[in-house]
Amino acid sequence: MDNPSKKSTKRFLIIYSIAIFLFAVSLILIASFSQMRINREAEQIREQLNSAEILAADKNTKLDAAMTENSRLKTKVEELEAQLETLTTQKEEDTKKLATYNSFAEIINLDRLGKKTALKEAITAFEDAGYPALLSPEHLEIYNSIK
C-alpha cells in the first residue's frame, strides 16, 4: 500500500507543481501584458505632452510676433498722427496765407480801380485779421505803399 500512496503523493506533487508553474507563468504573462499596456499608455501621454508643449511654444511664438507687430503698428500710428498734426497745422497756415493773399489781391484791385472807401474798409479788415504779418517782405512793401 505504501507504493500506491507514494505514487499518489508523487502524482499530486507533480500536478501541484505543474499547477503552480502554470499559475506563475500566467501571472508573469498578465504582468507582462499589463506592463506593455502601461508603457504604451505612458508613451501616448508623453506624445500628448510633447504635442501640448509644441502647441504652447507655437502659441507663445505667435503671441510674441503679434505683440511685436502691435508695437510696430502703434509706433506707425503715432508717426502718422504726428504727420497728420503737422499737415493739419500746415494746411491751416496755408489756408490763412491763401486768405491773406486773396485779401491782398482785393486791396490791389480796389487801389487799381480807385475805390477809396472800399479800399479803406478792405485795409481795415486786412489789418484786423493780422494779415500784414503773413506777407513776404516784397509784398509788405507793396501793401505799405498802397496803405
N, C-alpha and C. Protein backbone atom coordinates (compact mmCIF):
# COMPACT_ATOMS: atom_id res chain seq x y z
N MET A 1 0.77 -1.18 0.00
CA MET A 1 0.00 0.00 0.00
C MET A 1 0.82 1.26 0.00
N ASP A 2 1.93 1.08 0.52
CA ASP A 2 2.85 2.20 0.54
C ASP A 2 3.17 2.69 -0.85
N ASN A 3 3.26 1.81 -1.68
CA ASN A 3 3.62 2.13 -3.03
C ASN A 3 2.54 2.97 -3.73
N PRO A 4 1.30 2.58 -3.68
CA PRO A 4 0.28 3.43 -4.32
C PRO A 4 0.19 4.78 -3.63
N SER A 5 0.37 4.83 -2.35
CA SER A 5 0.29 6.10 -1.63
C SER A 5 1.43 7.02 -2.04
N LYS A 6 2.60 6.45 -2.23
CA LYS A 6 3.74 7.25 -2.66
C LYS A 6 3.52 7.73 -4.09
N LYS A 7 2.96 6.85 -4.92
CA LYS A 7 2.68 7.23 -6.29
C LYS A 7 1.65 8.35 -6.31
N SER A 8 0.66 8.19 -5.47
CA SER A 8 -0.40 9.18 -5.41
C SER A 8 0.16 10.50 -4.91
N THR A 9 1.02 10.48 -3.93
CA THR A 9 1.64 11.68 -3.40
C THR A 9 2.55 12.29 -4.45
N LYS A 10 3.29 11.46 -5.11
CA LYS A 10 4.20 11.93 -6.14
C LYS A 10 3.40 12.58 -7.28
N ARG A 11 2.33 11.93 -7.67
CA ARG A 11 1.48 12.46 -8.71
C ARG A 11 0.86 13.79 -8.29
N PHE A 12 0.40 13.80 -7.03
CA PHE A 12 -0.18 15.02 -6.50
C PHE A 12 0.85 16.15 -6.53
N LEU A 13 2.09 15.87 -6.16
CA LEU A 13 3.14 16.87 -6.15
C LEU A 13 3.47 17.33 -7.56
N ILE A 14 3.45 16.42 -8.51
CA ILE A 14 3.73 16.79 -9.90
C ILE A 14 2.60 17.68 -10.42
N ILE A 15 1.36 17.28 -10.18
CA ILE A 15 0.21 18.08 -10.64
C ILE A 15 0.23 19.43 -9.93
N TYR A 16 0.50 19.39 -8.64
CA TYR A 16 0.54 20.63 -7.87
C TYR A 16 1.67 21.54 -8.39
N SER A 17 2.83 20.98 -8.69
CA SER A 17 3.97 21.74 -9.23
C SER A 17 3.61 22.32 -10.60
N ILE A 18 2.96 21.49 -11.45
CA ILE A 18 2.56 21.97 -12.77
C ILE A 18 1.55 23.10 -12.63
N ALA A 19 0.60 22.94 -11.71
CA ALA A 19 -0.41 23.97 -11.50
C ALA A 19 0.24 25.27 -11.00
N ILE A 20 1.15 25.14 -10.05
CA ILE A 20 1.85 26.32 -9.53
C ILE A 20 2.67 26.96 -10.64
N PHE A 21 3.34 26.11 -11.43
CA PHE A 21 4.13 26.63 -12.54
C PHE A 21 3.24 27.37 -13.54
N LEU A 22 2.11 26.76 -13.92
CA LEU A 22 1.18 27.40 -14.85
C LEU A 22 0.63 28.70 -14.27
N PHE A 23 0.32 28.67 -12.98
CA PHE A 23 -0.18 29.87 -12.32
C PHE A 23 0.89 30.97 -12.34
N ALA A 24 2.14 30.62 -12.08
CA ALA A 24 3.24 31.57 -12.08
C ALA A 24 3.46 32.13 -13.49
N VAL A 25 3.41 31.23 -14.50
CA VAL A 25 3.58 31.66 -15.88
C VAL A 25 2.43 32.60 -16.27
N SER A 26 1.21 32.25 -15.84
CA SER A 26 0.05 33.10 -16.12
C SER A 26 0.22 34.47 -15.48
N LEU A 27 0.66 34.50 -14.22
CA LEU A 27 0.89 35.78 -13.55
C LEU A 27 1.97 36.59 -14.27
N ILE A 28 3.03 35.92 -14.70
CA ILE A 28 4.10 36.61 -15.42
C ILE A 28 3.58 37.18 -16.73
N LEU A 29 2.77 36.39 -17.46
CA LEU A 29 2.21 36.86 -18.73
C LEU A 29 1.25 38.04 -18.50
N ILE A 30 0.40 37.93 -17.49
CA ILE A 30 -0.53 39.03 -17.17
C ILE A 30 0.25 40.29 -16.80
N ALA A 31 1.28 40.13 -15.96
CA ALA A 31 2.10 41.27 -15.56
C ALA A 31 2.81 41.86 -16.77
N SER A 32 3.28 41.00 -17.67
CA SER A 32 3.98 41.46 -18.87
C SER A 32 3.04 42.25 -19.77
N PHE A 33 1.83 41.71 -20.00
CA PHE A 33 0.85 42.42 -20.84
C PHE A 33 0.42 43.73 -20.19
N SER A 34 0.27 43.71 -18.87
CA SER A 34 -0.10 44.93 -18.16
C SER A 34 1.01 45.97 -18.28
N GLN A 35 2.23 45.53 -18.14
CA GLN A 35 3.38 46.44 -18.27
C GLN A 35 3.46 47.01 -19.68
N MET A 36 3.20 46.18 -20.68
CA MET A 36 3.22 46.65 -22.07
C MET A 36 2.11 47.70 -22.28
N ARG A 37 0.92 47.43 -21.72
CA ARG A 37 -0.18 48.39 -21.85
C ARG A 37 0.18 49.69 -21.13
N ILE A 38 0.73 49.60 -19.95
CA ILE A 38 1.13 50.79 -19.18
C ILE A 38 2.20 51.58 -19.95
N ASN A 39 3.17 50.88 -20.51
CA ASN A 39 4.22 51.55 -21.30
C ASN A 39 3.62 52.24 -22.53
N ARG A 40 2.67 51.55 -23.20
CA ARG A 40 2.02 52.13 -24.37
C ARG A 40 1.24 53.39 -23.98
N GLU A 41 0.50 53.34 -22.88
CA GLU A 41 -0.26 54.50 -22.41
C GLU A 41 0.68 55.63 -21.98
N ALA A 42 1.78 55.27 -21.34
CA ALA A 42 2.76 56.28 -20.92
C ALA A 42 3.36 56.97 -22.15
N GLU A 43 3.63 56.20 -23.20
CA GLU A 43 4.17 56.77 -24.42
C GLU A 43 3.15 57.70 -25.08
N GLN A 44 1.88 57.31 -25.07
CA GLN A 44 0.83 58.17 -25.62
C GLN A 44 0.74 59.48 -24.82
N ILE A 45 0.80 59.37 -23.51
CA ILE A 45 0.75 60.56 -22.65
C ILE A 45 1.96 61.44 -22.92
N ARG A 46 3.15 60.81 -23.08
CA ARG A 46 4.36 61.56 -23.39
C ARG A 46 4.21 62.29 -24.73
N GLU A 47 3.63 61.62 -25.73
CA GLU A 47 3.42 62.25 -27.04
C GLU A 47 2.43 63.40 -26.93
N GLN A 48 1.36 63.20 -26.16
CA GLN A 48 0.38 64.28 -25.97
C GLN A 48 1.02 65.48 -25.27
N LEU A 49 1.85 65.21 -24.27
CA LEU A 49 2.55 66.26 -23.56
C LEU A 49 3.49 67.00 -24.50
N ASN A 50 4.22 66.23 -25.30
CA ASN A 50 5.11 66.82 -26.30
C ASN A 50 4.33 67.69 -27.26
N SER A 51 3.21 67.19 -27.74
CA SER A 51 2.36 67.95 -28.66
C SER A 51 1.84 69.22 -27.99
N ALA A 52 1.43 69.11 -26.74
CA ALA A 52 0.95 70.29 -26.00
C ALA A 52 2.07 71.31 -25.81
N GLU A 53 3.28 70.83 -25.53
CA GLU A 53 4.41 71.74 -25.38
C GLU A 53 4.72 72.44 -26.70
N ILE A 54 4.66 71.71 -27.80
CA ILE A 54 4.90 72.30 -29.12
C ILE A 54 3.83 73.35 -29.41
N LEU A 55 2.56 73.01 -29.12
CA LEU A 55 1.47 73.96 -29.34
C LEU A 55 1.67 75.21 -28.48
N ALA A 56 2.05 75.00 -27.22
CA ALA A 56 2.26 76.14 -26.32
C ALA A 56 3.41 77.01 -26.83
N ALA A 57 4.48 76.39 -27.27
CA ALA A 57 5.61 77.15 -27.81
C ALA A 57 5.19 77.90 -29.07
N ASP A 58 4.40 77.24 -29.91
CA ASP A 58 3.90 77.88 -31.13
C ASP A 58 3.01 79.06 -30.79
N LYS A 59 2.13 78.88 -29.80
CA LYS A 59 1.25 79.96 -29.38
C LYS A 59 2.07 81.12 -28.82
N ASN A 60 3.10 80.80 -28.02
CA ASN A 60 3.96 81.86 -27.47
C ASN A 60 4.69 82.60 -28.58
N THR A 61 5.17 81.85 -29.58
CA THR A 61 5.85 82.48 -30.72
C THR A 61 4.88 83.40 -31.46
N LYS A 62 3.67 82.90 -31.70
CA LYS A 62 2.67 83.72 -32.39
C LYS A 62 2.30 84.93 -31.54
N LEU A 63 2.18 84.74 -30.24
CA LEU A 63 1.86 85.86 -29.35
C LEU A 63 2.97 86.90 -29.37
N ASP A 64 4.21 86.44 -29.31
CA ASP A 64 5.35 87.36 -29.38
C ASP A 64 5.35 88.13 -30.70
N ALA A 65 5.09 87.40 -31.78
CA ALA A 65 5.05 88.04 -33.11
C ALA A 65 3.92 89.07 -33.16
N ALA A 66 2.77 88.71 -32.61
CA ALA A 66 1.63 89.63 -32.60
C ALA A 66 1.94 90.86 -31.75
N MET A 67 2.59 90.64 -30.61
CA MET A 67 2.93 91.78 -29.74
C MET A 67 3.95 92.69 -30.43
N THR A 68 4.91 92.09 -31.11
CA THR A 68 5.90 92.88 -31.85
C THR A 68 5.22 93.67 -32.95
N GLU A 69 4.32 93.01 -33.69
CA GLU A 69 3.59 93.69 -34.77
C GLU A 69 2.71 94.79 -34.19
N ASN A 70 2.07 94.51 -33.06
CA ASN A 70 1.23 95.52 -32.40
C ASN A 70 2.06 96.73 -32.00
N SER A 71 3.22 96.48 -31.45
CA SER A 71 4.12 97.58 -31.04
C SER A 71 4.55 98.38 -32.26
N ARG A 72 4.90 97.68 -33.34
CA ARG A 72 5.31 98.35 -34.57
C ARG A 72 4.17 99.21 -35.12
N LEU A 73 2.96 98.65 -35.10
CA LEU A 73 1.81 99.38 -35.61
C LEU A 73 1.47 100.59 -34.73
N LYS A 74 1.63 100.44 -33.42
CA LYS A 74 1.41 101.58 -32.52
C LYS A 74 2.38 102.70 -32.84
N THR A 75 3.64 102.33 -33.05
CA THR A 75 4.65 103.32 -33.41
C THR A 75 4.29 103.99 -34.73
N LYS A 76 3.85 103.18 -35.70
CA LYS A 76 3.46 103.72 -37.00
C LYS A 76 2.26 104.66 -36.85
N VAL A 77 1.29 104.28 -36.02
CA VAL A 77 0.12 105.14 -35.78
C VAL A 77 0.55 106.46 -35.16
N GLU A 78 1.46 106.39 -34.19
CA GLU A 78 1.96 107.63 -33.57
C GLU A 78 2.66 108.51 -34.59
N GLU A 79 3.46 107.88 -35.47
CA GLU A 79 4.14 108.65 -36.51
C GLU A 79 3.12 109.30 -37.45
N LEU A 80 2.11 108.52 -37.84
CA LEU A 80 1.09 109.04 -38.75
C LEU A 80 0.27 110.15 -38.09
N GLU A 81 -0.02 109.99 -36.80
CA GLU A 81 -0.74 111.05 -36.09
C GLU A 81 0.09 112.32 -36.03
N ALA A 82 1.40 112.17 -35.82
CA ALA A 82 2.28 113.34 -35.79
C ALA A 82 2.31 113.99 -37.18
N GLN A 83 2.39 113.17 -38.22
CA GLN A 83 2.38 113.71 -39.58
C GLN A 83 1.05 114.41 -39.87
N LEU A 84 -0.04 113.78 -39.42
CA LEU A 84 -1.35 114.39 -39.63
C LEU A 84 -1.45 115.74 -38.92
N GLU A 85 -0.92 115.78 -37.70
CA GLU A 85 -0.94 117.05 -36.95
C GLU A 85 -0.11 118.11 -37.68
N THR A 86 1.04 117.69 -38.18
CA THR A 86 1.89 118.62 -38.95
C THR A 86 1.17 119.10 -40.20
N LEU A 87 0.55 118.14 -40.91
CA LEU A 87 -0.17 118.51 -42.13
C LEU A 87 -1.37 119.40 -41.83
N THR A 88 -2.05 119.13 -40.72
CA THR A 88 -3.19 119.96 -40.34
C THR A 88 -2.73 121.38 -40.03
N THR A 89 -1.63 121.49 -39.29
CA THR A 89 -1.07 122.81 -38.97
C THR A 89 -0.65 123.51 -40.25
N GLN A 90 0.01 122.78 -41.13
CA GLN A 90 0.47 123.36 -42.40
C GLN A 90 -0.74 123.79 -43.25
N LYS A 91 -1.79 122.97 -43.25
CA LYS A 91 -2.99 123.32 -44.01
C LYS A 91 -3.61 124.61 -43.46
N GLU A 92 -3.67 124.69 -42.13
CA GLU A 92 -4.23 125.91 -41.51
C GLU A 92 -3.40 127.14 -41.89
N GLU A 93 -2.07 126.97 -41.85
CA GLU A 93 -1.19 128.07 -42.23
C GLU A 93 -1.39 128.44 -43.71
N ASP A 94 -1.47 127.41 -44.55
CA ASP A 94 -1.67 127.65 -45.99
C ASP A 94 -3.02 128.31 -46.25
N THR A 95 -4.04 127.87 -45.51
CA THR A 95 -5.37 128.47 -45.67
C THR A 95 -5.33 129.94 -45.27
N LYS A 96 -4.63 130.22 -44.18
CA LYS A 96 -4.52 131.61 -43.73
C LYS A 96 -3.72 132.44 -44.73
N LYS A 97 -2.64 131.85 -45.29
CA LYS A 97 -1.86 132.57 -46.30
C LYS A 97 -2.70 132.81 -47.55
N LEU A 98 -3.49 131.81 -47.93
CA LEU A 98 -4.34 131.97 -49.11
C LEU A 98 -5.35 133.10 -48.88
N ALA A 99 -5.93 133.11 -47.70
CA ALA A 99 -6.87 134.20 -47.37
C ALA A 99 -6.14 135.54 -47.37
N THR A 100 -4.91 135.55 -46.86
CA THR A 100 -4.10 136.77 -46.84
C THR A 100 -3.89 137.29 -48.26
N TYR A 101 -3.44 136.41 -49.14
CA TYR A 101 -3.13 136.84 -50.50
C TYR A 101 -4.40 137.14 -51.31
N ASN A 102 -5.51 136.47 -50.99
CA ASN A 102 -6.78 136.84 -51.64
C ASN A 102 -7.20 138.25 -51.23
N SER A 103 -7.06 138.53 -49.93
CA SER A 103 -7.39 139.88 -49.45
C SER A 103 -6.43 140.91 -50.02
N PHE A 104 -5.15 140.53 -50.10
CA PHE A 104 -4.13 141.42 -50.66
C PHE A 104 -4.44 141.73 -52.13
N ALA A 105 -4.85 140.69 -52.88
CA ALA A 105 -5.21 140.88 -54.29
C ALA A 105 -6.42 141.80 -54.39
N GLU A 106 -7.36 141.63 -53.49
CA GLU A 106 -8.55 142.50 -53.48
C GLU A 106 -8.13 143.96 -53.22
N ILE A 107 -7.21 144.16 -52.28
CA ILE A 107 -6.72 145.52 -51.97
C ILE A 107 -6.04 146.11 -53.20
N ILE A 108 -5.22 145.32 -53.87
CA ILE A 108 -4.53 145.80 -55.08
C ILE A 108 -5.56 146.19 -56.15
N ASN A 109 -6.58 145.35 -56.33
CA ASN A 109 -7.61 145.64 -57.34
C ASN A 109 -8.42 146.89 -56.98
N LEU A 110 -8.77 147.00 -55.69
CA LEU A 110 -9.52 148.19 -55.27
C LEU A 110 -8.69 149.46 -55.47
N ASP A 111 -7.37 149.38 -55.20
CA ASP A 111 -6.47 150.51 -55.40
C ASP A 111 -6.38 150.83 -56.89
N ARG A 112 -6.26 149.82 -57.72
CA ARG A 112 -6.14 150.00 -59.17
C ARG A 112 -7.41 150.63 -59.73
N LEU A 113 -8.58 150.20 -59.17
CA LEU A 113 -9.85 150.74 -59.65
C LEU A 113 -10.17 152.10 -59.03
N GLY A 114 -9.41 152.51 -58.02
CA GLY A 114 -9.60 153.81 -57.40
C GLY A 114 -10.81 153.87 -56.47
N LYS A 115 -11.22 152.75 -55.91
CA LYS A 115 -12.35 152.71 -54.99
C LYS A 115 -11.82 152.95 -53.57
N LYS A 116 -11.75 154.20 -53.18
CA LYS A 116 -11.11 154.61 -51.92
C LYS A 116 -11.87 154.10 -50.69
N THR A 117 -13.18 154.19 -50.64
CA THR A 117 -13.96 153.77 -49.47
C THR A 117 -13.83 152.26 -49.28
N ALA A 118 -14.03 151.52 -50.34
CA ALA A 118 -13.91 150.05 -50.26
C ALA A 118 -12.48 149.67 -49.92
N LEU A 119 -11.52 150.43 -50.43
CA LEU A 119 -10.11 150.16 -50.14
C LEU A 119 -9.83 150.35 -48.66
N LYS A 120 -10.35 151.44 -48.06
CA LYS A 120 -10.14 151.68 -46.62
C LYS A 120 -10.76 150.56 -45.80
N GLU A 121 -11.93 150.12 -46.17
CA GLU A 121 -12.60 149.01 -45.44
C GLU A 121 -11.79 147.72 -45.58
N ALA A 122 -11.30 147.46 -46.79
CA ALA A 122 -10.51 146.24 -47.03
C ALA A 122 -9.20 146.29 -46.24
N ILE A 123 -8.57 147.48 -46.18
CA ILE A 123 -7.31 147.62 -45.42
C ILE A 123 -7.58 147.43 -43.93
N THR A 124 -8.68 147.97 -43.42
CA THR A 124 -9.03 147.80 -42.00
C THR A 124 -9.26 146.32 -41.69
N ALA A 125 -10.01 145.64 -42.54
CA ALA A 125 -10.27 144.20 -42.34
C ALA A 125 -8.96 143.41 -42.43
N PHE A 126 -8.09 143.81 -43.36
CA PHE A 126 -6.79 143.16 -43.55
C PHE A 126 -5.95 143.30 -42.29
N GLU A 127 -5.95 144.50 -41.74
CA GLU A 127 -5.17 144.77 -40.52
C GLU A 127 -5.76 144.01 -39.33
N ASP A 128 -7.10 144.04 -39.20
CA ASP A 128 -7.76 143.36 -38.07
C ASP A 128 -7.50 141.85 -38.09
N ALA A 129 -7.40 141.29 -39.28
CA ALA A 129 -7.15 139.84 -39.41
C ALA A 129 -5.68 139.49 -39.15
N GLY A 130 -4.82 140.49 -39.07
CA GLY A 130 -3.39 140.24 -38.82
C GLY A 130 -2.67 139.74 -40.05
N TYR A 131 -3.22 139.99 -41.23
CA TYR A 131 -2.63 139.51 -42.47
C TYR A 131 -1.31 140.16 -42.85
N PRO A 132 -1.05 141.42 -42.51
CA PRO A 132 0.23 142.01 -42.94
C PRO A 132 1.44 141.21 -42.45
N ALA A 133 1.35 140.58 -41.31
CA ALA A 133 2.48 139.80 -40.78
C ALA A 133 2.76 138.56 -41.63
N LEU A 134 1.78 138.13 -42.42
CA LEU A 134 1.96 136.93 -43.23
C LEU A 134 2.49 137.23 -44.63
N LEU A 135 2.58 138.50 -44.98
CA LEU A 135 3.08 138.87 -46.31
C LEU A 135 4.59 138.73 -46.39
N SER A 136 5.07 138.42 -47.58
CA SER A 136 6.52 138.38 -47.79
C SER A 136 7.03 139.84 -47.75
N PRO A 137 8.33 140.05 -47.54
CA PRO A 137 8.85 141.42 -47.48
C PRO A 137 8.52 142.24 -48.73
N GLU A 138 8.58 141.64 -49.91
CA GLU A 138 8.28 142.37 -51.15
C GLU A 138 6.81 142.78 -51.19
N HIS A 139 5.93 141.87 -50.81
CA HIS A 139 4.50 142.17 -50.82
C HIS A 139 4.13 143.17 -49.72
N LEU A 140 4.82 143.06 -48.59
CA LEU A 140 4.57 144.00 -47.50
C LEU A 140 4.93 145.43 -47.96
N GLU A 141 6.00 145.54 -48.74
CA GLU A 141 6.40 146.85 -49.27
C GLU A 141 5.31 147.40 -50.19
N ILE A 142 4.75 146.55 -51.04
CA ILE A 142 3.66 146.97 -51.93
C ILE A 142 2.45 147.38 -51.11
N TYR A 143 2.13 146.56 -50.09
CA TYR A 143 0.97 146.85 -49.23
C TYR A 143 1.15 148.21 -48.54
N ASN A 144 2.34 148.44 -48.00
CA ASN A 144 2.61 149.73 -47.30
C ASN A 144 2.51 150.92 -48.26
N SER A 145 2.90 150.70 -49.53
CA SER A 145 2.80 151.81 -50.49
C SER A 145 1.34 152.13 -50.83
N ILE A 146 0.48 151.09 -50.79
CA ILE A 146 -0.96 151.32 -51.06
C ILE A 146 -1.63 151.93 -49.85
N LYS A 147 -1.25 151.49 -48.70
CA LYS A 147 -1.84 151.91 -47.44
C LYS A 147 -1.56 153.36 -47.26
